[in-house]
Structure formats: C-alpha cells, structure tokens
Amino acid sequence: MLGFVLGTVLALARLSRNPLFNGLAWLYIWFFRSLPLPVLFIIVYNLSQFFPTLALKIPFLPALFSTETPLLLAPLVAGVVGLTINEAAYAAEPDPRRHPLRRPGSGRGRQRARSLAAAPAAPGGPAAGAALDRPRLRQPG
C-alpha cells in the first residue's frame, strides 16, 4: 500500500511539466528499477553501519529529533522500507507506452482510429465505418 501511494506521487511527478520534478522522478525510477532487490535489502538493513545516529536538525541549532539507527530500523521495518522503495519505482511506471495516467485517446491510437474511420470502402465490401455501426466521415470534395 505504501509503495503504491509513493508510486502514484512519482507517476504524477513524472508526468509533470516541471523539469525538476520530472527529472527527480525519472532518476528515482531509473535507479531503483535497476537496483536488484537483494542489494537494496542489504543497503537498507545495514544503514546503521553508515549512519549510527539519525537526527533531524536545522544547521547551527540543536537537534529537534535524534535516535539510534538500529533502534529505528528493526529488521521488519528495514524490509518494509526496502519493499516500499522498490514497489514505488515499479508502480510509478509499469510500461511507459501504456501508462494509466496518460490522457486517453492521444498519440498514434487516435490517428489510427481516424484513419480507419476515413478509409475508403473496399470494392464490393461494406463501407469502412459500417462494420462499427458508425457513420463514416465525410470525404473532402
């Protein structure tokens, strides 16, 4: 569930016209889709080796929040964080050509539909739009 929510935010950022949001979302998706899941688990689980203490602070002021990393990232929490990060990257862009958040009816599909509706009738066969019970587009004339 958490990965899907983060993936939806990433997908919206990826579709944004803002180059900063689009670029950061592309970088996140590219990096975490190319990183194998066992490697991600090893990195997240051993995060306490790199950062023994996690703190939230403003520069030149005392820490607002501080905790030991092993206390915060228990093995179960590390697994949930790793799966959330991975699932978000895959949920954000399952297949770029068939993305569900793209505007329907855009691109080559719309052009293909117009060309089929305006196609001339085959000799001796039904009109191009008649098979779909739709009126044909008027031919320029």
N, C-alpha and C. Protein backbone atom coordinates (compact mmCIF):
# COMPACT_ATOMS: atom_id res chain seq x y z
N MET A 1 0.83 -1.19 0.00
CA MET A 1 0.00 0.00 0.00
C MET A 1 0.88 1.26 0.00
N LEU A 2 1.90 1.28 0.84
CA LEU A 2 2.77 2.45 0.90
C LEU A 2 3.51 2.65 -0.41
N GLY A 3 3.95 1.56 -1.02
CA GLY A 3 4.65 1.65 -2.29
C GLY A 3 3.76 2.16 -3.40
N PHE A 4 2.49 1.78 -3.38
CA PHE A 4 1.56 2.25 -4.40
C PHE A 4 1.29 3.74 -4.25
N VAL A 5 1.16 4.21 -3.01
CA VAL A 5 0.93 5.64 -2.78
C VAL A 5 2.13 6.45 -3.25
N LEU A 6 3.34 6.02 -2.86
CA LEU A 6 4.54 6.71 -3.30
C LEU A 6 4.71 6.60 -4.81
N GLY A 7 4.35 5.47 -5.39
CA GLY A 7 4.43 5.30 -6.83
C GLY A 7 3.47 6.22 -7.57
N THR A 8 2.29 6.46 -7.02
CA THR A 8 1.35 7.38 -7.63
C THR A 8 1.89 8.81 -7.61
N VAL A 9 2.51 9.19 -6.49
CA VAL A 9 3.13 10.53 -6.41
C VAL A 9 4.26 10.64 -7.43
N LEU A 10 5.05 9.59 -7.55
CA LEU A 10 6.14 9.60 -8.53
C LEU A 10 5.61 9.65 -9.96
N ALA A 11 4.53 8.95 -10.23
CA ALA A 11 3.95 8.97 -11.58
C ALA A 11 3.43 10.36 -11.92
N LEU A 12 2.81 11.02 -10.96
CA LEU A 12 2.33 12.38 -11.20
C LEU A 12 3.50 13.34 -11.40
N ALA A 13 4.58 13.14 -10.64
CA ALA A 13 5.78 13.97 -10.83
C ALA A 13 6.41 13.70 -12.19
N ARG A 14 6.37 12.45 -12.62
CA ARG A 14 6.96 12.09 -13.92
C ARG A 14 6.17 12.70 -15.07
N LEU A 15 4.86 12.87 -14.90
CA LEU A 15 4.03 13.46 -15.93
C LEU A 15 3.98 14.98 -15.84
N SER A 16 4.63 15.55 -14.84
CA SER A 16 4.63 16.99 -14.64
C SER A 16 5.41 17.70 -15.74
N ARG A 17 5.03 18.93 -16.00
CA ARG A 17 5.77 19.74 -16.97
C ARG A 17 6.97 20.42 -16.32
N ASN A 18 7.05 20.38 -15.00
CA ASN A 18 8.18 20.96 -14.28
C ASN A 18 9.40 20.08 -14.50
N PRO A 19 10.49 20.59 -15.07
CA PRO A 19 11.65 19.74 -15.35
C PRO A 19 12.33 19.21 -14.09
N LEU A 20 12.23 19.94 -12.97
CA LEU A 20 12.85 19.45 -11.73
C LEU A 20 12.11 18.21 -11.21
N PHE A 21 10.78 18.29 -11.11
CA PHE A 21 10.00 17.14 -10.64
C PHE A 21 10.14 15.96 -11.59
N ASN A 22 10.05 16.25 -12.89
CA ASN A 22 10.14 15.20 -13.89
C ASN A 22 11.51 14.52 -13.83
N GLY A 23 12.56 15.30 -13.72
CA GLY A 23 13.91 14.74 -13.66
C GLY A 23 14.17 13.94 -12.40
N LEU A 24 13.72 14.45 -11.25
CA LEU A 24 13.93 13.71 -10.00
C LEU A 24 13.14 12.40 -9.98
N ALA A 25 11.91 12.44 -10.50
CA ALA A 25 11.12 11.21 -10.57
C ALA A 25 11.76 10.22 -11.53
N TRP A 26 12.25 10.71 -12.68
CA TRP A 26 12.93 9.83 -13.63
C TRP A 26 14.15 9.20 -12.99
N LEU A 27 14.95 9.98 -12.24
CA LEU A 27 16.15 9.46 -11.60
C LEU A 27 15.80 8.40 -10.55
N TYR A 28 14.78 8.66 -9.74
CA TYR A 28 14.35 7.69 -8.72
C TYR A 28 13.91 6.39 -9.38
N ILE A 29 13.05 6.51 -10.39
CA ILE A 29 12.53 5.32 -11.07
C ILE A 29 13.67 4.56 -11.74
N TRP A 30 14.53 5.26 -12.44
CA TRP A 30 15.66 4.61 -13.12
C TRP A 30 16.56 3.89 -12.12
N PHE A 31 16.91 4.55 -11.01
CA PHE A 31 17.84 3.97 -10.06
C PHE A 31 17.26 2.74 -9.36
N PHE A 32 16.05 2.88 -8.83
CA PHE A 32 15.51 1.77 -8.04
C PHE A 32 14.94 0.65 -8.90
N ARG A 33 14.62 0.89 -10.18
CA ARG A 33 14.25 -0.22 -11.05
C ARG A 33 15.47 -1.00 -11.50
N SER A 34 16.63 -0.33 -11.53
CA SER A 34 17.84 -1.04 -11.97
C SER A 34 18.58 -1.69 -10.81
N LEU A 35 18.25 -1.35 -9.57
CA LEU A 35 18.92 -1.92 -8.40
C LEU A 35 18.24 -3.23 -8.02
N PRO A 36 18.98 -4.33 -7.95
CA PRO A 36 18.36 -5.61 -7.56
C PRO A 36 17.82 -5.54 -6.13
N LEU A 37 16.71 -6.23 -5.90
CA LEU A 37 16.06 -6.18 -4.60
C LEU A 37 16.94 -6.70 -3.46
N PRO A 38 17.69 -7.79 -3.63
CA PRO A 38 18.56 -8.22 -2.52
C PRO A 38 19.63 -7.17 -2.16
N VAL A 39 20.14 -6.48 -3.17
CA VAL A 39 21.13 -5.43 -2.89
C VAL A 39 20.48 -4.28 -2.11
N LEU A 40 19.25 -3.92 -2.49
CA LEU A 40 18.53 -2.88 -1.77
C LEU A 40 18.28 -3.29 -0.33
N PHE A 41 17.91 -4.55 -0.10
CA PHE A 41 17.71 -5.03 1.27
C PHE A 41 19.00 -4.96 2.08
N ILE A 42 20.10 -5.32 1.48
CA ILE A 42 21.38 -5.26 2.19
C ILE A 42 21.72 -3.82 2.55
N ILE A 43 21.50 -2.89 1.64
CA ILE A 43 21.80 -1.48 1.92
C ILE A 43 20.90 -0.95 3.03
N VAL A 44 19.61 -1.19 2.95
CA VAL A 44 18.68 -0.66 3.96
C VAL A 44 18.92 -1.31 5.31
N TYR A 45 19.16 -2.62 5.33
CA TYR A 45 19.37 -3.31 6.60
C TYR A 45 20.66 -2.85 7.27
N ASN A 46 21.70 -2.57 6.50
CA ASN A 46 22.98 -2.15 7.06
C ASN A 46 23.15 -0.64 7.08
N LEU A 47 22.06 0.09 7.00
CA LEU A 47 22.12 1.54 7.04
C LEU A 47 22.73 2.05 8.35
N SER A 48 22.56 1.31 9.42
CA SER A 48 23.11 1.74 10.71
C SER A 48 24.64 1.71 10.72
N GLN A 49 25.26 0.95 9.82
CA GLN A 49 26.72 0.95 9.72
C GLN A 49 27.22 2.26 9.12
N PHE A 50 26.44 2.84 8.23
CA PHE A 50 26.82 4.10 7.60
C PHE A 50 26.42 5.31 8.43
N PHE A 51 25.23 5.24 9.03
CA PHE A 51 24.70 6.34 9.83
C PHE A 51 24.30 5.80 11.20
N PRO A 52 25.20 5.84 12.21
CA PRO A 52 24.84 5.29 13.52
C PRO A 52 23.72 6.04 14.22
N THR A 53 23.60 7.34 13.93
CA THR A 53 22.55 8.15 14.54
C THR A 53 21.83 8.93 13.46
N LEU A 54 20.50 8.90 13.51
CA LEU A 54 19.70 9.71 12.62
C LEU A 54 19.14 10.89 13.41
N ALA A 55 19.29 12.09 12.86
CA ALA A 55 18.83 13.28 13.56
C ALA A 55 18.16 14.23 12.59
N LEU A 56 17.18 14.94 13.09
CA LEU A 56 16.51 15.98 12.34
C LEU A 56 16.90 17.29 12.99
N LYS A 57 17.64 18.11 12.25
CA LYS A 57 18.10 19.35 12.84
C LYS A 57 18.24 20.43 11.79
N ILE A 58 18.19 21.66 12.26
CA ILE A 58 18.43 22.84 11.45
C ILE A 58 19.88 23.23 11.69
N PRO A 59 20.61 23.60 10.65
CA PRO A 59 22.02 23.94 10.86
C PRO A 59 22.22 25.03 11.92
N PHE A 60 23.24 24.84 12.73
CA PHE A 60 23.66 25.75 13.80
C PHE A 60 22.67 25.80 14.96
N LEU A 61 21.73 24.88 15.02
CA LEU A 61 20.79 24.78 16.14
C LEU A 61 20.83 23.36 16.68
N PRO A 62 20.40 23.15 17.93
CA PRO A 62 20.38 21.78 18.45
C PRO A 62 19.38 20.90 17.69
N ALA A 63 19.59 19.59 17.77
CA ALA A 63 18.76 18.63 17.04
C ALA A 63 17.33 18.65 17.57
N LEU A 64 16.37 18.64 16.64
CA LEU A 64 14.96 18.57 17.01
C LEU A 64 14.57 17.14 17.38
N PHE A 65 15.16 16.19 16.69
CA PHE A 65 14.86 14.77 16.92
C PHE A 65 16.13 13.98 16.64
N SER A 66 16.46 13.05 17.51
CA SER A 66 17.64 12.22 17.32
C SER A 66 17.38 10.83 17.88
N THR A 67 17.83 9.81 17.16
CA THR A 67 17.67 8.43 17.61
C THR A 67 18.79 7.57 17.05
N GLU A 68 19.02 6.47 17.69
CA GLU A 68 19.99 5.50 17.19
C GLU A 68 19.36 4.74 16.03
N THR A 69 20.09 4.57 14.96
CA THR A 69 19.55 3.92 13.77
C THR A 69 19.12 2.48 14.00
N PRO A 70 19.91 1.66 14.73
CA PRO A 70 19.44 0.27 14.94
C PRO A 70 18.11 0.19 15.69
N LEU A 71 17.81 1.17 16.54
CA LEU A 71 16.53 1.16 17.24
C LEU A 71 15.38 1.51 16.30
N LEU A 72 15.66 2.37 15.34
CA LEU A 72 14.63 2.80 14.42
C LEU A 72 14.40 1.78 13.30
N LEU A 73 15.48 1.19 12.79
CA LEU A 73 15.37 0.26 11.67
C LEU A 73 15.54 -1.19 12.14
N ALA A 74 14.50 -1.70 12.75
CA ALA A 74 14.48 -3.12 13.10
C ALA A 74 14.41 -3.92 11.80
N PRO A 75 14.73 -5.21 11.83
CA PRO A 75 14.71 -5.99 10.57
C PRO A 75 13.37 -5.93 9.83
N LEU A 76 12.26 -5.96 10.55
CA LEU A 76 10.97 -5.90 9.89
C LEU A 76 10.75 -4.52 9.24
N VAL A 77 11.11 -3.47 9.94
CA VAL A 77 10.95 -2.13 9.39
C VAL A 77 11.87 -1.94 8.17
N ALA A 78 13.08 -2.49 8.24
CA ALA A 78 14.01 -2.39 7.11
C ALA A 78 13.43 -3.11 5.89
N GLY A 79 12.80 -4.25 6.10
CA GLY A 79 12.17 -4.97 4.99
C GLY A 79 11.01 -4.21 4.39
N VAL A 80 10.18 -3.61 5.23
CA VAL A 80 9.04 -2.82 4.73
C VAL A 80 9.54 -1.60 3.96
N VAL A 81 10.57 -0.93 4.48
CA VAL A 81 11.13 0.24 3.78
C VAL A 81 11.71 -0.18 2.43
N GLY A 82 12.45 -1.28 2.40
CA GLY A 82 13.04 -1.75 1.14
C GLY A 82 11.98 -2.12 0.11
N LEU A 83 10.95 -2.83 0.54
CA LEU A 83 9.88 -3.20 -0.39
C LEU A 83 9.09 -1.98 -0.85
N THR A 84 8.88 -1.02 0.03
CA THR A 84 8.16 0.20 -0.34
C THR A 84 8.93 0.98 -1.39
N ILE A 85 10.24 1.13 -1.19
CA ILE A 85 11.06 1.86 -2.15
C ILE A 85 11.04 1.16 -3.51
N ASN A 86 11.15 -0.15 -3.51
CA ASN A 86 11.18 -0.91 -4.75
C ASN A 86 9.82 -0.88 -5.44
N GLU A 87 8.75 -1.11 -4.71
CA GLU A 87 7.41 -1.15 -5.29
C GLU A 87 7.02 0.21 -5.85
N ALA A 88 7.44 1.28 -5.19
CA ALA A 88 7.11 2.62 -5.69
C ALA A 88 7.73 2.85 -7.06
N ALA A 89 8.96 2.40 -7.24
CA ALA A 89 9.61 2.59 -8.54
C ALA A 89 8.90 1.79 -9.63
N TYR A 90 8.45 0.60 -9.33
CA TYR A 90 7.77 -0.21 -10.34
C TYR A 90 6.33 0.24 -10.55
N ALA A 91 5.67 0.74 -9.49
CA ALA A 91 4.28 1.20 -9.65
C ALA A 91 4.22 2.53 -10.38
N ALA A 92 5.29 3.31 -10.31
CA ALA A 92 5.27 4.63 -10.95
C ALA A 92 5.26 4.53 -12.46
N GLU A 93 5.88 3.51 -13.03
CA GLU A 93 5.97 3.42 -14.49
C GLU A 93 6.05 1.95 -14.91
N PRO A 94 4.91 1.24 -14.91
CA PRO A 94 4.95 -0.18 -15.26
C PRO A 94 5.37 -0.41 -16.71
N ASP A 95 4.81 0.36 -17.63
CA ASP A 95 5.18 0.29 -19.03
C ASP A 95 4.93 1.68 -19.60
N PRO A 96 5.97 2.40 -19.95
CA PRO A 96 5.78 3.79 -20.35
C PRO A 96 4.84 3.97 -21.53
N ARG A 97 4.69 2.98 -22.40
CA ARG A 97 3.81 3.13 -23.56
C ARG A 97 2.35 3.01 -23.20
N ARG A 98 2.04 2.30 -22.10
CA ARG A 98 0.64 2.09 -21.73
C ARG A 98 0.40 2.60 -20.31
N HIS A 99 0.87 3.77 -19.99
CA HIS A 99 0.75 4.29 -18.64
C HIS A 99 -0.69 4.69 -18.37
N PRO A 100 -1.28 4.27 -17.24
CA PRO A 100 -2.70 4.54 -17.00
C PRO A 100 -3.02 6.00 -16.74
N LEU A 101 -2.04 6.82 -16.36
CA LEU A 101 -2.32 8.22 -16.07
C LEU A 101 -2.19 9.12 -17.29
N ARG A 102 -1.76 8.58 -18.39
CA ARG A 102 -1.67 9.41 -19.60
C ARG A 102 -3.07 9.69 -20.12
N ARG A 103 -3.22 10.78 -20.84
CA ARG A 103 -4.51 11.19 -21.36
C ARG A 103 -5.00 10.18 -22.38
N PRO A 104 -6.17 9.61 -22.19
CA PRO A 104 -6.65 8.62 -23.16
C PRO A 104 -6.95 9.26 -24.50
N GLY A 105 -6.72 8.52 -25.55
CA GLY A 105 -7.03 8.97 -26.88
C GLY A 105 -5.97 9.85 -27.50
N SER A 106 -4.79 9.89 -26.92
CA SER A 106 -3.74 10.72 -27.51
C SER A 106 -2.76 9.83 -28.26
N GLY A 107 -2.02 10.44 -29.15
CA GLY A 107 -0.95 9.72 -29.82
C GLY A 107 -1.42 8.94 -31.03
N ARG A 108 -0.70 7.85 -31.29
CA ARG A 108 -0.95 7.09 -32.52
C ARG A 108 -2.28 6.36 -32.51
N GLY A 109 -2.81 6.03 -31.34
CA GLY A 109 -4.09 5.36 -31.28
C GLY A 109 -5.21 6.20 -31.88
N ARG A 110 -5.19 7.49 -31.56
CA ARG A 110 -6.20 8.39 -32.11
C ARG A 110 -6.03 8.54 -33.62
N GLN A 111 -4.79 8.65 -34.07
CA GLN A 111 -4.54 8.76 -35.52
C GLN A 111 -4.98 7.50 -36.24
N ARG A 112 -4.72 6.36 -35.66
CA ARG A 112 -5.10 5.10 -36.27
C ARG A 112 -6.62 4.99 -36.37
N ALA A 113 -7.32 5.43 -35.32
CA ALA A 113 -8.78 5.37 -35.34
C ALA A 113 -9.34 6.29 -36.40
N ARG A 114 -8.76 7.48 -36.53
CA ARG A 114 -9.24 8.41 -37.57
C ARG A 114 -8.98 7.85 -38.96
N SER A 115 -7.83 7.22 -39.15
CA SER A 115 -7.53 6.70 -40.48
C SER A 115 -8.45 5.53 -40.83
N LEU A 116 -8.83 4.72 -39.85
CA LEU A 116 -9.75 3.62 -40.12
C LEU A 116 -11.15 4.14 -40.42
N ALA A 117 -11.58 5.17 -39.72
CA ALA A 117 -12.92 5.71 -39.94
C ALA A 117 -13.01 6.42 -41.28
N ALA A 118 -11.91 6.98 -41.76
CA ALA A 118 -11.94 7.72 -43.02
C ALA A 118 -11.45 6.88 -44.19
N ALA A 119 -11.20 5.60 -43.98
CA ALA A 119 -10.69 4.75 -45.06
C ALA A 119 -11.77 4.53 -46.11
N PRO A 120 -11.39 4.51 -47.37
CA PRO A 120 -12.39 4.28 -48.41
C PRO A 120 -12.91 2.84 -48.34
N ALA A 121 -14.09 2.65 -48.87
CA ALA A 121 -14.70 1.33 -48.84
C ALA A 121 -13.96 0.38 -49.78
N ALA A 122 -13.87 -0.87 -49.36
CA ALA A 122 -13.25 -1.88 -50.21
C ALA A 122 -14.21 -2.20 -51.35
N PRO A 123 -13.69 -2.52 -52.54
CA PRO A 123 -14.59 -2.82 -53.65
C PRO A 123 -15.47 -4.03 -53.33
N GLY A 124 -16.75 -3.87 -53.43
CA GLY A 124 -17.69 -4.96 -53.20
C GLY A 124 -17.93 -5.25 -51.74
N GLY A 125 -17.32 -4.50 -50.82
CA GLY A 125 -17.49 -4.75 -49.38
C GLY A 125 -18.23 -3.63 -48.71
N PRO A 126 -18.51 -3.77 -47.42
CA PRO A 126 -19.23 -2.72 -46.71
C PRO A 126 -18.35 -1.49 -46.54
N ALA A 127 -18.96 -0.39 -46.25
CA ALA A 127 -18.22 0.86 -46.02
C ALA A 127 -17.35 0.71 -44.77
N ALA A 128 -16.31 1.52 -44.67
CA ALA A 128 -15.34 1.36 -43.59
C ALA A 128 -15.97 1.56 -42.22
N GLY A 129 -16.85 2.50 -42.06
CA GLY A 129 -17.45 2.74 -40.75
C GLY A 129 -18.68 1.90 -40.49
N ALA A 130 -19.20 1.22 -41.49
CA ALA A 130 -20.45 0.48 -41.34
C ALA A 130 -20.30 -0.73 -40.42
N ALA A 131 -19.12 -1.33 -40.38
CA ALA A 131 -18.93 -2.51 -39.54
C ALA A 131 -19.06 -2.14 -38.07
N LEU A 132 -18.78 -0.90 -37.73
CA LEU A 132 -18.86 -0.45 -36.35
C LEU A 132 -20.19 0.24 -36.06
N ASP A 133 -21.10 0.26 -37.03
CA ASP A 133 -22.38 0.96 -36.91
C ASP A 133 -22.18 2.42 -36.56
N ARG A 134 -21.20 3.02 -37.24
CA ARG A 134 -20.94 4.44 -37.06
C ARG A 134 -21.01 5.09 -38.42
N PRO A 135 -21.45 6.31 -38.48
CA PRO A 135 -21.42 7.00 -39.78
C PRO A 135 -19.98 7.29 -40.18
N ARG A 136 -19.73 7.19 -41.45
CA ARG A 136 -18.39 7.48 -41.97
C ARG A 136 -18.17 8.96 -41.98
N LEU A 137 -16.90 9.34 -41.87
CA LEU A 137 -16.54 10.75 -42.00
C LEU A 137 -16.73 11.19 -43.44
N ARG A 138 -17.11 12.42 -43.62
CA ARG A 138 -17.30 12.91 -44.99
C ARG A 138 -15.96 13.03 -45.69
N GLN A 139 -15.94 12.63 -46.92
CA GLN A 139 -14.75 12.75 -47.72
C GLN A 139 -14.67 14.19 -48.23
N PRO A 140 -13.46 14.76 -48.23
CA PRO A 140 -13.36 16.12 -48.76
C PRO A 140 -13.70 16.12 -50.25
N GLY A 141 -14.40 17.08 -50.70
CA GLY A 141 -14.79 17.02 -52.07
C GLY A 141 -15.25 18.22 -52.63
